[in-house]
Amino acid sequence: MLARMRCPLLLVVCALAVNACTPVRAWERGQLARTEMAWDADGLESALNDHIFFSKEASSGGNSAAGGGCGCN
């Protein structure tokens, strides 16, 4: 029973995945470029949070940050 349902289920999932790929029209780009749509609304706060994380974890890398664990960099 499961093997018989696998093929139609795979086709439905593929159809849904292809349906989600739609081009963005010119008049919709302004809506997507708003500040609220950004991953990081505040760049300074994001940089500060990254600095705190890398200082506390005593690690560097992965986010182009360098320094030790003391927080004095």
PDB file of N, CA and C in Angstrom:
ATOM      1  N   MET A   1       0.824  -1.193   0.000  1.00  0.00           N
ATOM      2  CA  MET A   1       0.000   0.000   0.000  1.00  0.00           C
ATOM      3  C   MET A   1       0.874   1.267   0.000  1.00  0.00           C
ATOM      4  N   LEU A   2       1.900   1.240   0.823  1.00  0.00           N
ATOM      5  CA  LEU A   2       2.780   2.414   0.916  1.00  0.00           C
ATOM      6  C   LEU A   2       3.544   2.632  -0.387  1.00  0.00           C
ATOM      7  N   ALA A   3       3.987   1.545  -1.015  1.00  0.00           N
ATOM      8  CA  ALA A   3       4.723   1.666  -2.270  1.00  0.00           C
ATOM      9  C   ALA A   3       3.828   2.219  -3.382  1.00  0.00           C
ATOM     10  N   ARG A   4       2.550   1.896  -3.337  1.00  0.00           N
ATOM     11  CA  ARG A   4       1.610   2.385  -4.350  1.00  0.00           C
ATOM     12  C   ARG A   4       1.326   3.880  -4.182  1.00  0.00           C
ATOM     13  N   MET A   5       1.399   4.379  -2.965  1.00  0.00           N
ATOM     14  CA  MET A   5       1.116   5.795  -2.687  1.00  0.00           C
ATOM     15  C   MET A   5       2.356   6.676  -2.877  1.00  0.00           C
ATOM     16  N   ARG A   6       3.521   6.071  -2.948  1.00  0.00           N
ATOM     17  CA  ARG A   6       4.760   6.839  -3.012  1.00  0.00           C
ATOM     18  C   ARG A   6       4.867   7.670  -4.290  1.00  0.00           C
ATOM     19  N   CYS A   7       4.542   7.103  -5.439  1.00  0.00           N
ATOM     20  CA  CYS A   7       4.672   7.798  -6.722  1.00  0.00           C
ATOM     21  C   CYS A   7       3.700   8.973  -6.846  1.00  0.00           C
ATOM     22  N   PRO A   8       2.397   8.804  -6.558  1.00  0.00           N
ATOM     23  CA  PRO A   8       1.499   9.967  -6.636  1.00  0.00           C
ATOM     24  C   PRO A   8       1.851  11.057  -5.627  1.00  0.00           C
ATOM     25  N   LEU A   9       2.290  10.637  -4.445  1.00  0.00           N
ATOM     26  CA  LEU A   9       2.678  11.628  -3.439  1.00  0.00           C
ATOM     27  C   LEU A   9       3.891  12.418  -3.907  1.00  0.00           C
ATOM     28  N   LEU A  10       4.842  11.748  -4.518  1.00  0.00           N
ATOM     29  CA  LEU A  10       6.030  12.423  -5.049  1.00  0.00           C
ATOM     30  C   LEU A  10       5.643  13.405  -6.156  1.00  0.00           C
ATOM     31  N   LEU A  11       4.711  13.018  -7.001  1.00  0.00           N
ATOM     32  CA  LEU A  11       4.253  13.923  -8.059  1.00  0.00           C
ATOM     33  C   LEU A  11       3.554  15.158  -7.497  1.00  0.00           C
ATOM     34  N   VAL A  12       2.765  14.991  -6.459  1.00  0.00           N
ATOM     35  CA  VAL A  12       2.079  16.130  -5.834  1.00  0.00           C
ATOM     36  C   VAL A  12       3.088  17.077  -5.192  1.00  0.00           C
ATOM     37  N   VAL A  13       4.077  16.530  -4.512  1.00  0.00           N
ATOM     38  CA  VAL A  13       5.102  17.370  -3.880  1.00  0.00           C
ATOM     39  C   VAL A  13       5.899  18.128  -4.937  1.00  0.00           C
ATOM     40  N   CYS A  14       6.249  17.487  -6.014  1.00  0.00           N
ATOM     41  CA  CYS A  14       6.982  18.156  -7.093  1.00  0.00           C
ATOM     42  C   CYS A  14       6.142  19.251  -7.739  1.00  0.00           C
ATOM     43  N   ALA A  15       4.853  18.982  -7.929  1.00  0.00           N
ATOM     44  CA  ALA A  15       3.968  19.996  -8.519  1.00  0.00           C
ATOM     45  C   ALA A  15       3.851  21.211  -7.619  1.00  0.00           C
ATOM     46  N   LEU A  16       3.765  20.999  -6.306  1.00  0.00           N
ATOM     47  CA  LEU A  16       3.698  22.121  -5.377  1.00  0.00           C
ATOM     48  C   LEU A  16       5.007  22.907  -5.344  1.00  0.00           C
ATOM     49  N   ALA A  17       6.131  22.212  -5.439  1.00  0.00           N
ATOM     50  CA  ALA A  17       7.425  22.891  -5.418  1.00  0.00           C
ATOM     51  C   ALA A  17       7.617  23.741  -6.666  1.00  0.00           C
ATOM     52  N   VAL A  18       7.204  23.250  -7.810  1.00  0.00           N
ATOM     53  CA  VAL A  18       7.334  24.009  -9.052  1.00  0.00           C
ATOM     54  C   VAL A  18       6.375  25.196  -9.048  1.00  0.00           C
ATOM     55  N   ASN A  19       5.229  25.031  -8.451  1.00  0.00           N
ATOM     56  CA  ASN A  19       4.244  26.102  -8.389  1.00  0.00           C
ATOM     57  C   ASN A  19       4.745  27.272  -7.534  1.00  0.00           C
ATOM     58  N   ALA A  20       5.604  27.008  -6.556  1.00  0.00           N
ATOM     59  CA  ALA A  20       6.104  28.058  -5.677  1.00  0.00           C
ATOM     60  C   ALA A  20       7.151  28.936  -6.356  1.00  0.00           C
ATOM     61  N   CYS A  21       7.706  28.511  -7.466  1.00  0.00           N
ATOM     62  CA  CYS A  21       8.731  29.276  -8.174  1.00  0.00           C
ATOM     63  C   CYS A  21       8.061  30.194  -9.190  1.00  0.00           C
ATOM     64  N   THR A  22       7.748  31.394  -8.760  1.00  0.00           N
ATOM     65  CA  THR A  22       7.122  32.362  -9.657  1.00  0.00           C
ATOM     66  C   THR A  22       8.018  33.586  -9.758  1.00  0.00           C
ATOM     67  N   PRO A  23       8.082  34.207 -10.912  1.00  0.00           N
ATOM     68  CA  PRO A  23       8.911  35.411 -11.052  1.00  0.00           C
ATOM     69  C   PRO A  23       8.291  36.589 -10.314  1.00  0.00           C
ATOM     70  N   VAL A  24       9.156  37.473  -9.831  1.00  0.00           N
ATOM     71  CA  VAL A  24       8.704  38.686  -9.145  1.00  0.00           C
ATOM     72  C   VAL A  24       8.554  39.779 -10.192  1.00  0.00           C
ATOM     73  N   ARG A  25       7.382  40.358 -10.255  1.00  0.00           N
ATOM     74  CA  ARG A  25       7.119  41.402 -11.243  1.00  0.00           C
ATOM     75  C   ARG A  25       7.702  42.736 -10.769  1.00  0.00           C
ATOM     76  N   ALA A  26       7.850  43.664 -11.683  1.00  0.00           N
ATOM     77  CA  ALA A  26       8.504  44.942 -11.393  1.00  0.00           C
ATOM     78  C   ALA A  26       7.770  45.722 -10.310  1.00  0.00           C
ATOM     79  N   TRP A  27       6.454  45.721 -10.316  1.00  0.00           N
ATOM     80  CA  TRP A  27       5.710  46.501  -9.331  1.00  0.00           C
ATOM     81  C   TRP A  27       5.669  45.812  -7.967  1.00  0.00           C
ATOM     82  N   GLU A  28       6.076  44.552  -7.885  1.00  0.00           N
ATOM     83  CA  GLU A  28       6.128  43.856  -6.609  1.00  0.00           C
ATOM     84  C   GLU A  28       7.491  44.014  -5.923  1.00  0.00           C
ATOM     85  N   ARG A  29       8.487  44.411  -6.657  1.00  0.00           N
ATOM     86  CA  ARG A  29       9.838  44.520  -6.087  1.00  0.00           C
ATOM     87  C   ARG A  29       9.931  45.622  -5.044  1.00  0.00           C
ATOM     88  N   GLY A  30       9.179  46.681  -5.219  1.00  0.00           N
ATOM     89  CA  GLY A  30       9.187  47.755  -4.225  1.00  0.00           C
ATOM     90  C   GLY A  30       8.670  47.279  -2.881  1.00  0.00           C
ATOM     91  N   GLN A  31       7.692  46.404  -2.898  1.00  0.00           N
ATOM     92  CA  GLN A  31       7.137  45.849  -1.660  1.00  0.00           C
ATOM     93  C   GLN A  31       8.157  44.948  -0.967  1.00  0.00           C
ATOM     94  N   LEU A  32       8.914  44.187  -1.744  1.00  0.00           N
ATOM     95  CA  LEU A  32       9.905  43.286  -1.163  1.00  0.00           C
ATOM     96  C   LEU A  32      11.157  44.016  -0.686  1.00  0.00           C
ATOM     97  N   ALA A  33      11.394  45.226  -1.161  1.00  0.00           N
ATOM     98  CA  ALA A  33      12.591  45.977  -0.788  1.00  0.00           C
ATOM     99  C   ALA A  33      12.385  46.827   0.464  1.00  0.00           C
ATOM    100  N   ARG A  34      11.221  46.756   1.076  1.00  0.00           N
ATOM    101  CA  ARG A  34      10.958  47.552   2.286  1.00  0.00           C
ATOM    102  C   ARG A  34      11.821  47.076   3.443  1.00  0.00           C
ATOM    103  N   THR A  35      12.023  47.935   4.414  1.00  0.00           N
ATOM    104  CA  THR A  35      12.873  47.622   5.561  1.00  0.00           C
ATOM    105  C   THR A  35      12.303  46.470   6.381  1.00  0.00           C
ATOM    106  N   GLU A  36      11.003  46.380   6.467  1.00  0.00           N
ATOM    107  CA  GLU A  36      10.380  45.325   7.265  1.00  0.00           C
ATOM    108  C   GLU A  36      10.625  43.935   6.689  1.00  0.00           C
ATOM    109  N   MET A  37      10.950  43.865   5.397  1.00  0.00           N
ATOM    110  CA  MET A  37      11.145  42.576   4.740  1.00  0.00           C
ATOM    111  C   MET A  37      12.588  42.073   4.847  1.00  0.00           C
ATOM    112  N   ALA A  38      13.486  42.850   5.432  1.00  0.00           N
ATOM    113  CA  ALA A  38      14.898  42.474   5.531  1.00  0.00           C
ATOM    114  C   ALA A  38      15.099  41.436   6.631  1.00  0.00           C
ATOM    115  N   TRP A  39      16.138  40.599   6.470  1.00  0.00           N
ATOM    116  CA  TRP A  39      16.463  39.635   7.513  1.00  0.00           C
ATOM    117  C   TRP A  39      16.903  40.363   8.771  1.00  0.00           C
ATOM    118  N   ASP A  40      17.739  41.379   8.609  1.00  0.00           N
ATOM    119  CA  ASP A  40      18.213  42.183   9.737  1.00  0.00           C
ATOM    120  C   ASP A  40      17.712  43.600   9.535  1.00  0.00           C
ATOM    121  N   ALA A  41      16.706  43.995  10.284  1.00  0.00           N
ATOM    122  CA  ALA A  41      16.150  45.332  10.133  1.00  0.00           C
ATOM    123  C   ALA A  41      17.145  46.398  10.601  1.00  0.00           C
ATOM    124  N   ASP A  42      17.959  46.061  11.611  1.00  0.00           N
ATOM    125  CA  ASP A  42      18.930  47.011  12.150  1.00  0.00           C
ATOM    126  C   ASP A  42      20.320  46.393  12.030  1.00  0.00           C
ATOM    127  N   GLY A  43      21.108  46.906  11.119  1.00  0.00           N
ATOM    128  CA  GLY A  43      22.442  46.363  10.882  1.00  0.00           C
ATOM    129  C   GLY A  43      23.390  46.541  12.052  1.00  0.00           C
ATOM    130  N   LEU A  44      23.284  47.675  12.766  1.00  0.00           N
ATOM    131  CA  LEU A  44      24.150  47.927  13.910  1.00  0.00           C
ATOM    132  C   LEU A  44      23.866  46.952  15.048  1.00  0.00           C
ATOM    133  N   GLU A  45      22.594  46.682  15.295  1.00  0.00           N
ATOM    134  CA  GLU A  45      22.238  45.730  16.343  1.00  0.00           C
ATOM    135  C   GLU A  45      22.705  44.325  15.985  1.00  0.00           C
ATOM    136  N   SER A  46      22.614  43.973  14.723  1.00  0.00           N
ATOM    137  CA  SER A  46      23.078  42.664  14.275  1.00  0.00           C
ATOM    138  C   SER A  46      24.589  42.532  14.462  1.00  0.00           C
ATOM    139  N   ALA A  47      25.334  43.577  14.139  1.00  0.00           N
ATOM    140  CA  ALA A  47      26.788  43.546  14.321  1.00  0.00           C
ATOM    141  C   ALA A  47      27.151  43.444  15.802  1.00  0.00           C
ATOM    142  N   LEU A  48      26.409  44.147  16.659  1.00  0.00           N
ATOM    143  CA  LEU A  48      26.670  44.079  18.093  1.00  0.00           C
ATOM    144  C   LEU A  48      26.372  42.686  18.640  1.00  0.00           C
ATOM    145  N   ASN A  49      25.276  42.097  18.210  1.00  0.00           N
ATOM    146  CA  ASN A  49      24.942  40.744  18.658  1.00  0.00           C
ATOM    147  C   ASN A  49      25.987  39.737  18.199  1.00  0.00           C
ATOM    148  N   ASP A  50      26.501  39.888  16.993  1.00  0.00           N
ATOM    149  CA  ASP A  50      27.562  39.007  16.507  1.00  0.00           C
ATOM    150  C   ASP A  50      28.827  39.165  17.336  1.00  0.00           C
ATOM    151  N   HIS A  51      29.162  40.399  17.669  1.00  0.00           N
ATOM    152  CA  HIS A  51      30.366  40.654  18.475  1.00  0.00           C
ATOM    153  C   HIS A  51      30.218  40.020  19.859  1.00  0.00           C
ATOM    154  N   ILE A  52      29.062  40.163  20.468  1.00  0.00           N
ATOM    155  CA  ILE A  52      28.837  39.580  21.793  1.00  0.00           C
ATOM    156  C   ILE A  52      28.912  38.066  21.725  1.00  0.00           C
ATOM    157  N   PHE A  53      28.300  37.473  20.704  1.00  0.00           N
ATOM    158  CA  PHE A  53      28.317  36.014  20.569  1.00  0.00           C
ATOM    159  C   PHE A  53      29.740  35.497  20.423  1.00  0.00           C
ATOM    160  N   PHE A  54      30.526  36.102  19.538  1.00  0.00           N
ATOM    161  CA  PHE A  54      31.880  35.609  19.314  1.00  0.00           C
ATOM    162  C   PHE A  54      32.781  35.886  20.510  1.00  0.00           C
ATOM    163  N   SER A  55      32.502  36.936  21.278  1.00  0.00           N
ATOM    164  CA  SER A  55      33.298  37.201  22.474  1.00  0.00           C
ATOM    165  C   SER A  55      32.991  36.183  23.566  1.00  0.00           C
ATOM    166  N   LYS A  56      31.733  35.828  23.730  1.00  0.00           N
ATOM    167  CA  LYS A  56      31.358  34.872  24.768  1.00  0.00           C
ATOM    168  C   LYS A  56      31.744  33.443  24.410  1.00  0.00           C
ATOM    169  N   GLU A  57      31.683  33.093  23.154  1.00  0.00           N
ATOM    170  CA  GLU A  57      31.976  31.730  22.735  1.00  0.00           C
ATOM    171  C   GLU A  57      33.471  31.473  22.571  1.00  0.00           C
ATOM    172  N   ALA A  58      34.285  32.502  22.628  1.00  0.00           N
ATOM    173  CA  ALA A  58      35.741  32.384  22.455  1.00  0.00           C
ATOM    174  C   ALA A  58      36.070  31.735  21.121  1.00  0.00           C
ATOM    175  N   SER A  59      35.344  32.123  20.112  1.00  0.00           N
ATOM    176  CA  SER A  59      35.572  31.560  18.786  1.00  0.00           C
ATOM    177  C   SER A  59      35.500  32.671  17.760  1.00  0.00           C
ATOM    178  N   SER A  60      35.978  32.360  16.581  1.00  0.00           N
ATOM    179  CA  SER A  60      35.862  33.318  15.494  1.00  0.00           C
ATOM    180  C   SER A  60      35.697  32.553  14.201  1.00  0.00           C
ATOM    181  N   GLY A  61      35.188  33.259  13.213  1.00  0.00           N
ATOM    182  CA  GLY A  61      34.992  32.639  11.914  1.00  0.00           C
ATOM    183  C   GLY A  61      33.530  32.390  11.633  1.00  0.00           C
ATOM    184  N   GLY A  62      33.224  32.188  10.392  1.00  0.00           N
ATOM    185  CA  GLY A  62      31.860  31.922  10.007  1.00  0.00           C
ATOM    186  C   GLY A  62      31.058  33.171   9.753  1.00  0.00           C
ATOM    187  N   ASN A  63      31.488  34.283  10.305  1.00  0.00           N
ATOM    188  CA  ASN A  63      30.772  35.540  10.103  1.00  0.00           C
ATOM    189  C   ASN A  63      31.750  36.685   9.893  1.00  0.00           C
ATOM    190  N   SER A  64      32.926  36.357   9.441  1.00  0.00           N
ATOM    191  CA  SER A  64      34.000  37.306   9.174  1.00  0.00           C
ATOM    192  C   SER A  64      34.336  38.177  10.376  1.00  0.00           C
ATOM    193  N   ALA A  65      34.316  37.585  11.558  1.00  0.00           N
ATOM    194  CA  ALA A  65      34.710  38.294  12.768  1.00  0.00           C
ATOM    195  C   ALA A  65      35.979  37.649  13.308  1.00  0.00           C
ATOM    196  N   ALA A  66      36.828  38.439  13.946  1.00  0.00           N
ATOM    197  CA  ALA A  66      38.061  37.900  14.496  1.00  0.00           C
ATOM    198  C   ALA A  66      38.228  38.404  15.916  1.00  0.00           C
ATOM    199  N   GLY A  67      38.918  37.634  16.720  1.00  0.00           N
ATOM    200  CA  GLY A  67      39.187  38.062  18.087  1.00  0.00           C
ATOM    201  C   GLY A  67      39.173  36.902  19.041  1.00  0.00           C
ATOM    202  N   GLY A  68      39.502  37.200  20.270  1.00  0.00           N
ATOM    203  CA  GLY A  68      39.541  36.184  21.310  1.00  0.00           C
ATOM    204  C   GLY A  68      38.287  36.172  22.136  1.00  0.00           C
ATOM    205  N   GLY A  69      38.319  35.461  23.236  1.00  0.00           N
ATOM    206  CA  GLY A  69      37.148  35.322  24.085  1.00  0.00           C
ATOM    207  C   GLY A  69      37.028  36.386  25.153  1.00  0.00           C
ATOM    208  N   CYS A  70      38.012  37.275  25.275  1.00  0.00           N
ATOM    209  CA  CYS A  70      37.966  38.258  26.360  1.00  0.00           C
ATOM    210  C   CYS A  70      37.083  39.457  26.011  1.00  0.00           C
ATOM    211  N   GLY A  71      36.747  39.649  24.764  1.00  0.00           N
ATOM    212  CA  GLY A  71      35.910  40.770  24.368  1.00  0.00           C
ATOM    213  C   GLY A  71      36.672  42.071  24.206  1.00  0.00           C
ATOM    214  N   CYS A  72      37.993  42.010  24.187  1.00  0.00           N
ATOM    215  CA  CYS A  72      38.790  43.225  24.106  1.00  0.00           C
ATOM    216  C   CYS A  72      39.301  43.507  22.693  1.00  0.00           C
ATOM    217  N   ASN A  73      38.714  42.915  21.680  1.00  0.00           N
ATOM    218  CA  ASN A  73      39.221  43.132  20.315  1.00  0.00           C
ATOM    219  C   ASN A  73      38.628  44.343  19.707  1.00  0.00           C
TER     220      ASN A  73
END
